[in-house]
């Protein structure tokens, strides 16, 4: 979640709105009308949050265990489950 002392939450937004602003496609299995209330860290996310994951090996466990509703992942990222 963004710190409200520094950032004003302008949402919620739908997944479709966020994907349109990011020039990204809504995945075929996802609900474009799903509401996203805020951004969060992988470990701090809940069911109404959007997170980002760029493939950092040090964060793979947090990625695998995140409770985020949605995650933007770099196109060239190929996340693997922890060993």
C-alpha atoms as a PDB file:
ATOM      1  CA  UNK A   1       0.000   0.000   0.000  1.00  0.00           C
ATOM      2  CA  UNK A   2       1.311   3.430  -0.886  1.00  0.00           C
ATOM      3  CA  UNK A   3       2.063   5.602   2.125  1.00  0.00           C
ATOM      4  CA  UNK A   4      -0.869   8.073   2.417  1.00  0.00           C
ATOM      5  CA  UNK A   5       1.516  10.729   3.759  1.00  0.00           C
ATOM      6  CA  UNK A   6       3.110  10.901   0.319  1.00  0.00           C
ATOM      7  CA  UNK A   7       0.544   9.572  -2.160  1.00  0.00           C
ATOM      8  CA  UNK A   8      -3.179  10.095  -2.576  1.00  0.00           C
ATOM      9  CA  UNK A   9      -5.095   6.959  -3.521  1.00  0.00           C
ATOM     10  CA  UNK A  10      -7.140   7.801  -6.622  1.00  0.00           C
ATOM     11  CA  UNK A  11      -8.856   4.405  -6.939  1.00  0.00           C
ATOM     12  CA  UNK A  12     -10.389   2.037  -6.974  1.00  0.00           C
ATOM     13  CA  UNK A  13      -9.881   1.194 -10.617  1.00  0.00           C
ATOM     14  CA  UNK A  14     -10.922  -1.861 -12.571  1.00  0.00           C
ATOM     15  CA  UNK A  15      -8.358  -4.278 -13.914  1.00  0.00           C
ATOM     16  CA  UNK A  16      -9.442  -3.286 -17.416  1.00  0.00           C
ATOM     17  CA  UNK A  17      -8.815   0.406 -16.710  1.00  0.00           C
ATOM     18  CA  UNK A  18      -5.367  -0.284 -15.285  1.00  0.00           C
ATOM     19  CA  UNK A  19      -4.418  -2.544 -18.186  1.00  0.00           C
ATOM     20  CA  UNK A  20      -5.579   0.108 -20.674  1.00  0.00           C
ATOM     21  CA  UNK A  21      -3.457   2.781 -18.948  1.00  0.00           C
ATOM     22  CA  UNK A  22      -0.451   0.412 -18.965  1.00  0.00           C
ATOM     23  CA  UNK A  23      -1.034  -0.618 -22.606  1.00  0.00           C
ATOM     24  CA  UNK A  24      -1.377  -4.231 -21.440  1.00  0.00           C
ATOM     25  CA  UNK A  25      -3.895  -6.888 -22.376  1.00  0.00           C
ATOM     26  CA  UNK A  26      -6.309  -8.213 -19.772  1.00  0.00           C
ATOM     27  CA  UNK A  27      -5.490 -11.932 -19.495  1.00  0.00           C
ATOM     28  CA  UNK A  28      -8.225 -14.098 -21.036  1.00  0.00           C
ATOM     29  CA  UNK A  29      -9.075 -15.768 -17.712  1.00  0.00           C
ATOM     30  CA  UNK A  30      -9.228 -12.496 -15.734  1.00  0.00           C
ATOM     31  CA  UNK A  31     -12.281 -10.349 -14.989  1.00  0.00           C
ATOM     32  CA  UNK A  32     -11.682  -6.938 -16.578  1.00  0.00           C
ATOM     33  CA  UNK A  33     -14.295  -5.482 -14.216  1.00  0.00           C
ATOM     34  CA  UNK A  34     -12.517  -6.652 -11.039  1.00  0.00           C
ATOM     35  CA  UNK A  35     -11.842  -3.748  -8.707  1.00  0.00           C
ATOM     36  CA  UNK A  36      -8.312  -2.999  -7.495  1.00  0.00           C
ATOM     37  CA  UNK A  37      -8.163  -0.716  -4.481  1.00  0.00           C
ATOM     38  CA  UNK A  38      -4.436  -0.052  -4.204  1.00  0.00           C
ATOM     39  CA  UNK A  39      -0.869  -1.154  -4.868  1.00  0.00           C
ATOM     40  CA  UNK A  40       1.011  -3.248  -2.322  1.00  0.00           C
ATOM     41  CA  UNK A  41       4.225  -5.150  -1.776  1.00  0.00           C
ATOM     42  CA  UNK A  42       4.276  -8.854  -2.596  1.00  0.00           C
ATOM     43  CA  UNK A  43       4.275  -9.762   1.087  1.00  0.00           C
ATOM     44  CA  UNK A  44       1.778  -7.127   2.188  1.00  0.00           C
ATOM     45  CA  UNK A  45      -0.872  -7.579  -0.484  1.00  0.00           C
ATOM     46  CA  UNK A  46      -4.427  -8.677   0.065  1.00  0.00           C
ATOM     47  CA  UNK A  47      -7.282  -9.661  -2.196  1.00  0.00           C
ATOM     48  CA  UNK A  48      -7.912  -6.160  -3.581  1.00  0.00           C
ATOM     49  CA  UNK A  49      -4.311  -5.218  -4.364  1.00  0.00           C
ATOM     50  CA  UNK A  50      -2.108  -5.068  -7.438  1.00  0.00           C
ATOM     51  CA  UNK A  51       1.581  -5.961  -7.111  1.00  0.00           C
ATOM     52  CA  UNK A  52       4.565  -5.977  -9.450  1.00  0.00           C
ATOM     53  CA  UNK A  53       7.151  -8.727  -9.874  1.00  0.00           C
ATOM     54  CA  UNK A  54      10.198  -8.377 -12.145  1.00  0.00           C
ATOM     55  CA  UNK A  55      11.639 -11.835 -11.613  1.00  0.00           C
ATOM     56  CA  UNK A  56      14.042 -11.143  -8.772  1.00  0.00           C
ATOM     57  CA  UNK A  57      15.211 -14.550  -7.486  1.00  0.00           C
ATOM     58  CA  UNK A  58      15.391 -13.169  -3.943  1.00  0.00           C
ATOM     59  CA  UNK A  59      11.620 -12.492  -4.025  1.00  0.00           C
ATOM     60  CA  UNK A  60      10.403 -15.771  -5.545  1.00  0.00           C
ATOM     61  CA  UNK A  61       9.067 -17.052  -2.200  1.00  0.00           C
ATOM     62  CA  UNK A  62       7.116 -13.826  -1.611  1.00  0.00           C
ATOM     63  CA  UNK A  63       5.805 -13.980  -5.175  1.00  0.00           C
ATOM     64  CA  UNK A  64       4.641 -17.573  -4.735  1.00  0.00           C
ATOM     65  CA  UNK A  65       2.943 -16.805  -1.401  1.00  0.00           C
ATOM     66  CA  UNK A  66       1.454 -13.400  -2.220  1.00  0.00           C
ATOM     67  CA  UNK A  67      -2.256 -12.880  -1.579  1.00  0.00           C
ATOM     68  CA  UNK A  68      -2.530 -10.150  -4.227  1.00  0.00           C
ATOM     69  CA  UNK A  69      -5.543 -10.162  -6.495  1.00  0.00           C
ATOM     70  CA  UNK A  70      -3.384  -9.339  -9.529  1.00  0.00           C
ATOM     71  CA  UNK A  71       0.296  -9.086 -10.389  1.00  0.00           C
ATOM     72  CA  UNK A  72       2.021  -7.333 -13.263  1.00  0.00           C
ATOM     73  CA  UNK A  73       4.956  -9.485 -14.349  1.00  0.00           C
ATOM     74  CA  UNK A  74       7.626  -8.435 -16.822  1.00  0.00           C
ATOM     75  CA  UNK A  75       7.032  -9.979 -20.262  1.00  0.00           C
ATOM     76  CA  UNK A  76      10.426 -11.671 -20.232  1.00  0.00           C
ATOM     77  CA  UNK A  77      10.005 -12.983 -16.675  1.00  0.00           C
ATOM     78  CA  UNK A  78       9.632 -16.722 -16.261  1.00  0.00           C
ATOM     79  CA  UNK A  79       8.900 -17.174 -12.556  1.00  0.00           C
ATOM     80  CA  UNK A  80       9.645 -20.584 -11.119  1.00  0.00           C
ATOM     81  CA  UNK A  81       8.277 -22.085  -7.949  1.00  0.00           C
ATOM     82  CA  UNK A  82      10.736 -22.269  -5.084  1.00  0.00           C
ATOM     83  CA  UNK A  83      12.819 -25.459  -4.930  1.00  0.00           C
END
